[in-house]
Amino acid sequence: RQGHRLSLEVYLTQNPQCINKTFTYQQCQWTPLLAACFYKHTPIVRMLIKRFSANIEATGTIVFDLPANNPERVEDVSALWTAAAVDNIEIARLLI
């Protein structure tokens, strides 16, 4: 979530089974790839896809904080959907 690429790379090297695991953070449920897309960490997305072969079809649950303190929970979203929703065309291109 914080964008610490090196820490994530070390963790996934030691725990390769976690690359497509769904983690829960507050009301969100996402894989490392979905989290990287949500937080717009392009270098991490690139690493997850190229080095660890992350499943780009994996889905999760994202919560968007909308204006007027009205959070919206969206379920079964893909990494591509998430990249588009946060308006990051560079990540969307990587995923396509």
PDB file of N, CA and C in Angstrom:
ATOM      1  N   ARG A   1       0.813  -1.187   0.000  1.00  0.00           N
ATOM      2  CA  ARG A   1       0.000   0.000   0.000  1.00  0.00           C
ATOM      3  C   ARG A   1       0.861   1.258   0.000  1.00  0.00           C
ATOM      4  N   GLN A   2       1.978   1.210   0.683  1.00  0.00           N
ATOM      5  CA  GLN A   2       2.846   2.380   0.784  1.00  0.00           C
ATOM      6  C   GLN A   2       3.762   2.561  -0.421  1.00  0.00           C
ATOM      7  N   GLY A   3       3.895   1.535  -1.251  1.00  0.00           N
ATOM      8  CA  GLY A   3       4.728   1.657  -2.426  1.00  0.00           C
ATOM      9  C   GLY A   3       6.183   1.279  -2.202  1.00  0.00           C
ATOM     10  N   HIS A   4       6.453   0.505  -1.169  1.00  0.00           N
ATOM     11  CA  HIS A   4       7.821   0.063  -0.888  1.00  0.00           C
ATOM     12  C   HIS A   4       8.148  -1.143  -1.766  1.00  0.00           C
ATOM     13  N   ARG A   5       8.650  -0.863  -2.943  1.00  0.00           N
ATOM     14  CA  ARG A   5       8.900  -1.883  -3.953  1.00  0.00           C
ATOM     15  C   ARG A   5       9.877  -2.946  -3.464  1.00  0.00           C
ATOM     16  N   LEU A   6      10.983  -2.528  -2.889  1.00  0.00           N
ATOM     17  CA  LEU A   6      12.011  -3.471  -2.452  1.00  0.00           C
ATOM     18  C   LEU A   6      11.487  -4.408  -1.367  1.00  0.00           C
ATOM     19  N   SER A   7      10.767  -3.875  -0.411  1.00  0.00           N
ATOM     20  CA  SER A   7      10.203  -4.709   0.660  1.00  0.00           C
ATOM     21  C   SER A   7       9.237  -5.736   0.092  1.00  0.00           C
ATOM     22  N   LEU A   8       8.400  -5.319  -0.836  1.00  0.00           N
ATOM     23  CA  LEU A   8       7.446  -6.239  -1.454  1.00  0.00           C
ATOM     24  C   LEU A   8       8.176  -7.301  -2.271  1.00  0.00           C
ATOM     25  N   GLU A   9       9.202  -6.896  -2.989  1.00  0.00           N
ATOM     26  CA  GLU A   9       9.960  -7.840  -3.798  1.00  0.00           C
ATOM     27  C   GLU A   9      10.621  -8.912  -2.927  1.00  0.00           C
ATOM     28  N   VAL A  10      11.217  -8.508  -1.810  1.00  0.00           N
ATOM     29  CA  VAL A  10      11.836  -9.462  -0.887  1.00  0.00           C
ATOM     30  C   VAL A  10      10.776 -10.394  -0.313  1.00  0.00           C
ATOM     31  N   TYR A  11       9.663  -9.828   0.115  1.00  0.00           N
ATOM     32  CA  TYR A  11       8.579 -10.645   0.696  1.00  0.00           C
ATOM     33  C   TYR A  11       8.075 -11.682  -0.304  1.00  0.00           C
ATOM     34  N   LEU A  12       7.817 -11.263  -1.538  1.00  0.00           N
ATOM     35  CA  LEU A  12       7.283 -12.191  -2.541  1.00  0.00           C
ATOM     36  C   LEU A  12       8.316 -13.210  -2.996  1.00  0.00           C
ATOM     37  N   THR A  13       9.591 -12.857  -2.954  1.00  0.00           N
ATOM     38  CA  THR A  13      10.643 -13.820  -3.277  1.00  0.00           C
ATOM     39  C   THR A  13      10.661 -14.931  -2.224  1.00  0.00           C
ATOM     40  N   GLN A  14      10.458 -14.562  -0.978  1.00  0.00           N
ATOM     41  CA  GLN A  14      10.442 -15.534   0.111  1.00  0.00           C
ATOM     42  C   GLN A  14       9.100 -16.252   0.239  1.00  0.00           C
ATOM     43  N   ASN A  15       8.023 -15.633  -0.244  1.00  0.00           N
ATOM     44  CA  ASN A  15       6.668 -16.184  -0.131  1.00  0.00           C
ATOM     45  C   ASN A  15       5.951 -16.121  -1.472  1.00  0.00           C
ATOM     46  N   PRO A  16       6.433 -16.855  -2.483  1.00  0.00           N
ATOM     47  CA  PRO A  16       5.853 -16.744  -3.821  1.00  0.00           C
ATOM     48  C   PRO A  16       4.375 -17.146  -3.895  1.00  0.00           C
ATOM     49  N   GLN A  17       3.901 -17.927  -2.937  1.00  0.00           N
ATOM     50  CA  GLN A  17       2.502 -18.335  -2.929  1.00  0.00           C
ATOM     51  C   GLN A  17       1.560 -17.159  -2.629  1.00  0.00           C
ATOM     52  N   CYS A  18       2.096 -16.042  -2.182  1.00  0.00           N
ATOM     53  CA  CYS A  18       1.269 -14.883  -1.818  1.00  0.00           C
ATOM     54  C   CYS A  18       1.008 -13.920  -2.973  1.00  0.00           C
ATOM     55  N   ILE A  19       1.593 -14.174  -4.142  1.00  0.00           N
ATOM     56  CA  ILE A  19       1.450 -13.232  -5.260  1.00  0.00           C
ATOM     57  C   ILE A  19      -0.005 -13.038  -5.660  1.00  0.00           C
ATOM     58  N   ASN A  20      -0.807 -14.080  -5.609  1.00  0.00           N
ATOM     59  CA  ASN A  20      -2.217 -13.965  -6.003  1.00  0.00           C
ATOM     60  C   ASN A  20      -3.167 -14.139  -4.824  1.00  0.00           C
ATOM     61  N   LYS A  21      -2.624 -14.082  -3.627  1.00  0.00           N
ATOM     62  CA  LYS A  21      -3.437 -14.213  -2.418  1.00  0.00           C
ATOM     63  C   LYS A  21      -4.251 -12.930  -2.212  1.00  0.00           C
ATOM     64  N   THR A  22      -5.463 -13.099  -1.714  1.00  0.00           N
ATOM     65  CA  THR A  22      -6.307 -11.937  -1.422  1.00  0.00           C
ATOM     66  C   THR A  22      -6.076 -11.513   0.026  1.00  0.00           C
ATOM     67  N   PHE A  23      -5.722 -10.251   0.203  1.00  0.00           N
ATOM     68  CA  PHE A  23      -5.496  -9.675   1.531  1.00  0.00           C
ATOM     69  C   PHE A  23      -6.645  -8.718   1.849  1.00  0.00           C
ATOM     70  N   THR A  24      -6.959  -8.577   3.126  1.00  0.00           N
ATOM     71  CA  THR A  24      -8.004  -7.660   3.558  1.00  0.00           C
ATOM     72  C   THR A  24      -7.362  -6.446   4.214  1.00  0.00           C
ATOM     73  N   TYR A  25      -7.772  -5.261   3.768  1.00  0.00           N
ATOM     74  CA  TYR A  25      -7.324  -4.010   4.364  1.00  0.00           C
ATOM     75  C   TYR A  25      -8.557  -3.132   4.525  1.00  0.00           C
ATOM     76  N   GLN A  26      -8.922  -2.867   5.772  1.00  0.00           N
ATOM     77  CA  GLN A  26     -10.162  -2.168   6.090  1.00  0.00           C
ATOM     78  C   GLN A  26     -11.311  -2.892   5.392  1.00  0.00           C
ATOM     79  N   GLN A  27     -12.043  -2.244   4.486  1.00  0.00           N
ATOM     80  CA  GLN A  27     -13.158  -2.900   3.802  1.00  0.00           C
ATOM     81  C   GLN A  27     -12.759  -3.451   2.436  1.00  0.00           C
ATOM     82  N   CYS A  28     -11.514  -3.261   2.051  1.00  0.00           N
ATOM     83  CA  CYS A  28     -11.036  -3.740   0.750  1.00  0.00           C
ATOM     84  C   CYS A  28     -10.518  -5.167   0.868  1.00  0.00           C
ATOM     85  N   GLN A  29     -10.658  -5.892  -0.223  1.00  0.00           N
ATOM     86  CA  GLN A  29     -10.068  -7.220  -0.345  1.00  0.00           C
ATOM     87  C   GLN A  29      -9.385  -7.252  -1.699  1.00  0.00           C
ATOM     88  N   TRP A  30      -8.054  -7.369  -1.678  1.00  0.00           N
ATOM     89  CA  TRP A  30      -7.337  -7.270  -2.935  1.00  0.00           C
ATOM     90  C   TRP A  30      -6.050  -8.072  -2.927  1.00  0.00           C
ATOM     91  N   THR A  31      -5.579  -8.357  -4.132  1.00  0.00           N
ATOM     92  CA  THR A  31      -4.275  -8.979  -4.320  1.00  0.00           C
ATOM     93  C   THR A  31      -3.237  -7.857  -4.318  1.00  0.00           C
ATOM     94  N   PRO A  32      -1.962  -8.194  -4.222  1.00  0.00           N
ATOM     95  CA  PRO A  32      -0.951  -7.135  -4.320  1.00  0.00           C
ATOM     96  C   PRO A  32      -1.076  -6.313  -5.618  1.00  0.00           C
ATOM     97  N   LEU A  33      -1.443  -6.971  -6.716  1.00  0.00           N
ATOM     98  CA  LEU A  33      -1.601  -6.254  -7.983  1.00  0.00           C
ATOM     99  C   LEU A  33      -2.752  -5.250  -7.921  1.00  0.00           C
ATOM    100  N   LEU A  34      -3.876  -5.654  -7.364  1.00  0.00           N
ATOM    101  CA  LEU A  34      -5.013  -4.725  -7.251  1.00  0.00           C
ATOM    102  C   LEU A  34      -4.659  -3.529  -6.376  1.00  0.00           C
ATOM    103  N   ALA A  35      -3.953  -3.777  -5.270  1.00  0.00           N
ATOM    104  CA  ALA A  35      -3.548  -2.682  -4.382  1.00  0.00           C
ATOM    105  C   ALA A  35      -2.599  -1.725  -5.109  1.00  0.00           C
ATOM    106  N   ALA A  36      -1.643  -2.270  -5.853  1.00  0.00           N
ATOM    107  CA  ALA A  36      -0.706  -1.426  -6.590  1.00  0.00           C
ATOM    108  C   ALA A  36      -1.430  -0.584  -7.643  1.00  0.00           C
ATOM    109  N   CYS A  37      -2.437  -1.171  -8.289  1.00  0.00           N
ATOM    110  CA  CYS A  37      -3.227  -0.414  -9.271  1.00  0.00           C
ATOM    111  C   CYS A  37      -4.010   0.696  -8.580  1.00  0.00           C
ATOM    112  N   PHE A  38      -4.630   0.375  -7.456  1.00  0.00           N
ATOM    113  CA  PHE A  38      -5.447   1.351  -6.725  1.00  0.00           C
ATOM    114  C   PHE A  38      -4.604   2.546  -6.279  1.00  0.00           C
ATOM    115  N   TYR A  39      -3.398   2.281  -5.788  1.00  0.00           N
ATOM    116  CA  TYR A  39      -2.541   3.353  -5.286  1.00  0.00           C
ATOM    117  C   TYR A  39      -1.595   3.926  -6.352  1.00  0.00           C
ATOM    118  N   LYS A  40      -1.768   3.509  -7.602  1.00  0.00           N
ATOM    119  CA  LYS A  40      -1.046   4.055  -8.756  1.00  0.00           C
ATOM    120  C   LYS A  40       0.467   3.865  -8.669  1.00  0.00           C
ATOM    121  N   HIS A  41       0.894   2.693  -8.210  1.00  0.00           N
ATOM    122  CA  HIS A  41       2.318   2.378  -8.114  1.00  0.00           C
ATOM    123  C   HIS A  41       2.754   1.637  -9.380  1.00  0.00           C
ATOM    124  N   THR A  42       2.985   2.388 -10.439  1.00  0.00           N
ATOM    125  CA  THR A  42       3.326   1.813 -11.738  1.00  0.00           C
ATOM    126  C   THR A  42       4.550   0.898 -11.704  1.00  0.00           C
ATOM    127  N   PRO A  43       5.661   1.282 -11.059  1.00  0.00           N
ATOM    128  CA  PRO A  43       6.816   0.373 -11.033  1.00  0.00           C
ATOM    129  C   PRO A  43       6.501  -0.960 -10.339  1.00  0.00           C
ATOM    130  N   ILE A  44       5.665  -0.916  -9.331  1.00  0.00           N
ATOM    131  CA  ILE A  44       5.298  -2.151  -8.629  1.00  0.00           C
ATOM    132  C   ILE A  44       4.412  -3.013  -9.512  1.00  0.00           C
ATOM    133  N   VAL A  45       3.474  -2.413 -10.215  1.00  0.00           N
ATOM    134  CA  VAL A  45       2.624  -3.169 -11.141  1.00  0.00           C
ATOM    135  C   VAL A  45       3.500  -3.863 -12.174  1.00  0.00           C
ATOM    136  N   ARG A  46       4.445  -3.134 -12.735  1.00  0.00           N
ATOM    137  CA  ARG A  46       5.357  -3.702 -13.731  1.00  0.00           C
ATOM    138  C   ARG A  46       6.123  -4.894 -13.143  1.00  0.00           C
ATOM    139  N   MET A  47       6.643  -4.744 -11.921  1.00  0.00           N
ATOM    140  CA  MET A  47       7.386  -5.825 -11.270  1.00  0.00           C
ATOM    141  C   MET A  47       6.489  -7.043 -11.019  1.00  0.00           C
ATOM    142  N   LEU A  48       5.277  -6.805 -10.526  1.00  0.00           N
ATOM    143  CA  LEU A  48       4.369  -7.912 -10.218  1.00  0.00           C
ATOM    144  C   LEU A  48       4.006  -8.710 -11.464  1.00  0.00           C
ATOM    145  N   ILE A  49       3.846  -8.022 -12.570  1.00  0.00           N
ATOM    146  CA  ILE A  49       3.477  -8.704 -13.813  1.00  0.00           C
ATOM    147  C   ILE A  49       4.688  -9.416 -14.423  1.00  0.00           C
ATOM    148  N   LYS A  50       5.790  -8.712 -14.556  1.00  0.00           N
ATOM    149  CA  LYS A  50       6.945  -9.263 -15.273  1.00  0.00           C
ATOM    150  C   LYS A  50       7.763 -10.254 -14.453  1.00  0.00           C
ATOM    151  N   ARG A  51       8.024  -9.935 -13.211  1.00  0.00           N
ATOM    152  CA  ARG A  51       8.892 -10.800 -12.404  1.00  0.00           C
ATOM    153  C   ARG A  51       8.133 -11.926 -11.722  1.00  0.00           C
ATOM    154  N   PHE A  52       6.923 -11.632 -11.237  1.00  0.00           N
ATOM    155  CA  PHE A  52       6.192 -12.622 -10.440  1.00  0.00           C
ATOM    156  C   PHE A  52       4.986 -13.218 -11.159  1.00  0.00           C
ATOM    157  N   SER A  53       4.728 -12.803 -12.378  1.00  0.00           N
ATOM    158  CA  SER A  53       3.602 -13.330 -13.171  1.00  0.00           C
ATOM    159  C   SER A  53       2.274 -13.273 -12.413  1.00  0.00           C
ATOM    160  N   ALA A  54       1.983 -12.109 -11.860  1.00  0.00           N
ATOM    161  CA  ALA A  54       0.733 -11.927 -11.128  1.00  0.00           C
ATOM    162  C   ALA A  54      -0.457 -12.173 -12.050  1.00  0.00           C
ATOM    163  N   ASN A  55      -1.503 -12.741 -11.498  1.00  0.00           N
ATOM    164  CA  ASN A  55      -2.726 -13.016 -12.251  1.00  0.00           C
ATOM    165  C   ASN A  55      -3.482 -11.702 -12.478  1.00  0.00           C
ATOM    166  N   ILE A  56      -3.476 -11.213 -13.709  1.00  0.00           N
ATOM    167  CA  ILE A  56      -4.143  -9.939 -13.991  1.00  0.00           C
ATOM    168  C   ILE A  56      -5.662 -10.083 -14.047  1.00  0.00           C
ATOM    169  N   GLU A  57      -6.159 -11.303 -14.028  1.00  0.00           N
ATOM    170  CA  GLU A  57      -7.601 -11.548 -14.044  1.00  0.00           C
ATOM    171  C   GLU A  57      -8.188 -11.698 -12.642  1.00  0.00           C
ATOM    172  N   ALA A  58      -7.340 -11.719 -11.619  1.00  0.00           N
ATOM    173  CA  ALA A  58      -7.828 -11.860 -10.244  1.00  0.00           C
ATOM    174  C   ALA A  58      -8.713 -10.666  -9.898  1.00  0.00           C
ATOM    175  N   THR A  59      -9.745 -10.921  -9.112  1.00  0.00           N
ATOM    176  CA  THR A  59     -10.676  -9.856  -8.746  1.00  0.00           C
ATOM    177  C   THR A  59     -10.666  -9.628  -7.236  1.00  0.00           C
ATOM    178  N   GLY A  60     -11.192  -8.485  -6.860  1.00  0.00           N
ATOM    179  CA  GLY A  60     -11.260  -8.133  -5.448  1.00  0.00           C
ATOM    180  C   GLY A  60     -12.331  -7.099  -5.197  1.00  0.00           C
ATOM    181  N   THR A  61     -12.301  -6.527  -4.019  1.00  0.00           N
ATOM    182  CA  THR A  61     -13.275  -5.518  -3.603  1.00  0.00           C
ATOM    183  C   THR A  61     -12.531  -4.226  -3.284  1.00  0.00           C
ATOM    184  N   ILE A  62     -13.003  -3.144  -3.868  1.00  0.00           N
ATOM    185  CA  ILE A  62     -12.389  -1.830  -3.700  1.00  0.00           C
ATOM    186  C   ILE A  62     -13.419  -0.884  -3.077  1.00  0.00           C
ATOM    187  N   VAL A  63     -12.948   0.005  -2.203  1.00  0.00           N
ATOM    188  CA  VAL A  63     -13.820   1.026  -1.621  1.00  0.00           C
ATOM    189  C   VAL A  63     -13.270   2.385  -2.021  1.00  0.00           C
ATOM    190  N   PHE A  64     -14.101   3.153  -2.709  1.00  0.00           N
ATOM    191  CA  PHE A  64     -13.731   4.506  -3.130  1.00  0.00           C
ATOM    192  C   PHE A  64     -14.337   5.513  -2.168  1.00  0.00           C
ATOM    193  N   ASP A  65     -13.526   6.476  -1.743  1.00  0.00           N
ATOM    194  CA  ASP A  65     -14.020   7.566  -0.911  1.00  0.00           C
ATOM    195  C   ASP A  65     -14.513   8.669  -1.829  1.00  0.00           C
ATOM    196  N   LEU A  66     -15.806   8.803  -1.898  1.00  0.00           N
ATOM    197  CA  LEU A  66     -16.412   9.810  -2.766  1.00  0.00           C
ATOM    198  C   LEU A  66     -16.650  11.097  -1.988  1.00  0.00           C
ATOM    199  N   PRO A  67     -16.914  12.188  -2.684  1.00  0.00           N
ATOM    200  CA  PRO A  67     -17.195  13.450  -1.992  1.00  0.00           C
ATOM    201  C   PRO A  67     -18.364  13.304  -1.018  1.00  0.00           C
ATOM    202  N   ALA A  68     -18.379  14.148  -0.028  1.00  0.00           N
ATOM    203  CA  ALA A  68     -19.433  14.179   0.990  1.00  0.00           C
ATOM    204  C   ALA A  68     -19.399  12.925   1.874  1.00  0.00           C
ATOM    205  N   ASN A  69     -18.173  12.377   2.094  1.00  0.00           N
ATOM    206  CA  ASN A  69     -18.013  11.208   2.968  1.00  0.00           C
ATOM    207  C   ASN A  69     -18.946  10.062   2.624  1.00  0.00           C
ATOM    208  N   ASN A  70     -19.063   9.775   1.351  1.00  0.00           N
ATOM    209  CA  ASN A  70     -19.953   8.717   0.889  1.00  0.00           C
ATOM    210  C   ASN A  70     -19.128   7.624   0.212  1.00  0.00           C
ATOM    211  N   PRO A  71     -18.592   6.661   0.994  1.00  0.00           N
ATOM    212  CA  PRO A  71     -17.775   5.612   0.372  1.00  0.00           C
ATOM    213  C   PRO A  71     -18.626   4.670  -0.482  1.00  0.00           C
ATOM    214  N   GLU A  72     -18.029   4.233  -1.582  1.00  0.00           N
ATOM    215  CA  GLU A  72     -18.723   3.298  -2.472  1.00  0.00           C
ATOM    216  C   GLU A  72     -17.891   2.026  -2.566  1.00  0.00           C
ATOM    217  N   ARG A  73     -18.513   0.913  -2.232  1.00  0.00           N
ATOM    218  CA  ARG A  73     -17.855  -0.398  -2.267  1.00  0.00           C
ATOM    219  C   ARG A  73     -18.208  -1.074  -3.590  1.00  0.00           C
ATOM    220  N   VAL A  74     -17.177  -1.491  -4.329  1.00  0.00           N
ATOM    221  CA  VAL A  74     -17.376  -2.146  -5.610  1.00  0.00           C
ATOM    222  C   VAL A  74     -16.713  -3.516  -5.535  1.00  0.00           C
ATOM    223  N   GLU A  75     -17.479  -4.558  -5.806  1.00  0.00           N
ATOM    224  CA  GLU A  75     -16.978  -5.924  -5.682  1.00  0.00           C
ATOM    225  C   GLU A  75     -16.657  -6.522  -7.045  1.00  0.00           C
ATOM    226  N   ASP A  76     -15.827  -7.552  -7.031  1.00  0.00           N
ATOM    227  CA  ASP A  76     -15.427  -8.301  -8.228  1.00  0.00           C
ATOM    228  C   ASP A  76     -14.809  -7.421  -9.310  1.00  0.00           C
ATOM    229  N   VAL A  77     -13.883  -6.556  -8.908  1.00  0.00           N
ATOM    230  CA  VAL A  77     -13.208  -5.699  -9.880  1.00  0.00           C
ATOM    231  C   VAL A  77     -11.846  -6.290 -10.233  1.00  0.00           C
ATOM    232  N   SER A  78     -11.433  -6.092 -11.464  1.00  0.00           N
ATOM    233  CA  SER A  78     -10.131  -6.581 -11.930  1.00  0.00           C
ATOM    234  C   SER A  78      -9.094  -5.457 -11.799  1.00  0.00           C
ATOM    235  N   ALA A  79      -7.850  -5.816 -12.050  1.00  0.00           N
ATOM    236  CA  ALA A  79      -6.778  -4.815 -12.019  1.00  0.00           C
ATOM    237  C   ALA A  79      -6.995  -3.751 -13.092  1.00  0.00           C
ATOM    238  N   LEU A  80      -7.414  -4.165 -14.281  1.00  0.00           N
ATOM    239  CA  LEU A  80      -7.661  -3.212 -15.363  1.00  0.00           C
ATOM    240  C   LEU A  80      -8.792  -2.256 -14.992  1.00  0.00           C
ATOM    241  N   TRP A  81      -9.863  -2.778 -14.431  1.00  0.00           N
ATOM    242  CA  TRP A  81     -10.987  -1.936 -14.008  1.00  0.00           C
ATOM    243  C   TRP A  81     -10.506  -0.929 -12.967  1.00  0.00           C
ATOM    244  N   THR A  82      -9.697  -1.406 -12.019  1.00  0.00           N
ATOM    245  CA  THR A  82      -9.189  -0.533 -10.957  1.00  0.00           C
ATOM    246  C   THR A  82      -8.309   0.569 -11.527  1.00  0.00           C
ATOM    247  N   ALA A  83      -7.415   0.217 -12.448  1.00  0.00           N
ATOM    248  CA  ALA A  83      -6.544   1.222 -13.065  1.00  0.00           C
ATOM    249  C   ALA A  83      -7.369   2.279 -13.796  1.00  0.00           C
ATOM    250  N   ALA A  84      -8.394   1.845 -14.493  1.00  0.00           N
ATOM    251  CA  ALA A  84      -9.264   2.790 -15.202  1.00  0.00           C
ATOM    252  C   ALA A  84     -10.042   3.656 -14.212  1.00  0.00           C
ATOM    253  N   ALA A  85     -10.502   3.065 -13.127  1.00  0.00           N
ATOM    254  CA  ALA A  85     -11.301   3.807 -12.144  1.00  0.00           C
ATOM    255  C   ALA A  85     -10.494   4.889 -11.436  1.00  0.00           C
ATOM    256  N   VAL A  86      -9.191   4.647 -11.245  1.00  0.00           N
ATOM    257  CA  VAL A  86      -8.355   5.662 -10.600  1.00  0.00           C
ATOM    258  C   VAL A  86      -7.658   6.553 -11.621  1.00  0.00           C
ATOM    259  N   ASP A  87      -8.062   6.396 -12.884  1.00  0.00           N
ATOM    260  CA  ASP A  87      -7.595   7.250 -13.978  1.00  0.00           C
ATOM    261  C   ASP A  87      -6.090   7.153 -14.200  1.00  0.00           C
ATOM    262  N   ASN A  88      -5.585   5.924 -14.293  1.00  0.00           N
ATOM    263  CA  ASN A  88      -4.162   5.725 -14.550  1.00  0.00           C
ATOM    264  C   ASN A  88      -3.996   4.964 -15.860  1.00  0.00           C
ATOM    265  N   ILE A  89      -3.838   5.691 -16.940  1.00  0.00           N
ATOM    266  CA  ILE A  89      -3.752   5.112 -18.273  1.00  0.00           C
ATOM    267  C   ILE A  89      -2.466   4.297 -18.444  1.00  0.00           C
ATOM    268  N   GLU A  90      -1.392   4.705 -17.791  1.00  0.00           N
ATOM    269  CA  GLU A  90      -0.122   3.972 -17.936  1.00  0.00           C
ATOM    270  C   GLU A  90      -0.252   2.545 -17.396  1.00  0.00           C
ATOM    271  N   ILE A  91      -0.861   2.380 -16.248  1.00  0.00           N
ATOM    272  CA  ILE A  91      -1.074   1.047 -15.695  1.00  0.00           C
ATOM    273  C   ILE A  91      -2.058   0.274 -16.556  1.00  0.00           C
ATOM    274  N   ALA A  92      -3.092   0.922 -17.036  1.00  0.00           N
ATOM    275  CA  ALA A  92      -4.060   0.246 -17.907  1.00  0.00           C
ATOM    276  C   ALA A  92      -3.357  -0.301 -19.150  1.00  0.00           C
ATOM    277  N   ARG A  93      -2.453   0.457 -19.716  1.00  0.00           N
ATOM    278  CA  ARG A  93      -1.688  -0.009 -20.886  1.00  0.00           C
ATOM    279  C   ARG A  93      -0.835  -1.228 -20.552  1.00  0.00           C
ATOM    280  N   LEU A  94      -0.208  -1.206 -19.388  1.00  0.00           N
ATOM    281  CA  LEU A  94       0.597  -2.360 -18.961  1.00  0.00           C
ATOM    282  C   LEU A  94      -0.272  -3.626 -18.867  1.00  0.00           C
ATOM    283  N   LEU A  95      -1.464  -3.468 -18.371  1.00  0.00           N
ATOM    284  CA  LEU A  95      -2.348  -4.608 -18.170  1.00  0.00           C
ATOM    285  C   LEU A  95      -2.931  -5.136 -19.478  1.00  0.00           C
ATOM    286  N   ILE A  96      -3.108  -4.249 -20.425  1.00  0.00           N
ATOM    287  CA  ILE A  96      -3.656  -4.675 -21.724  1.00  0.00           C
ATOM    288  C   ILE A  96      -2.584  -5.375 -22.506  1.00  0.00           C
TER     289      ILE A  96
END
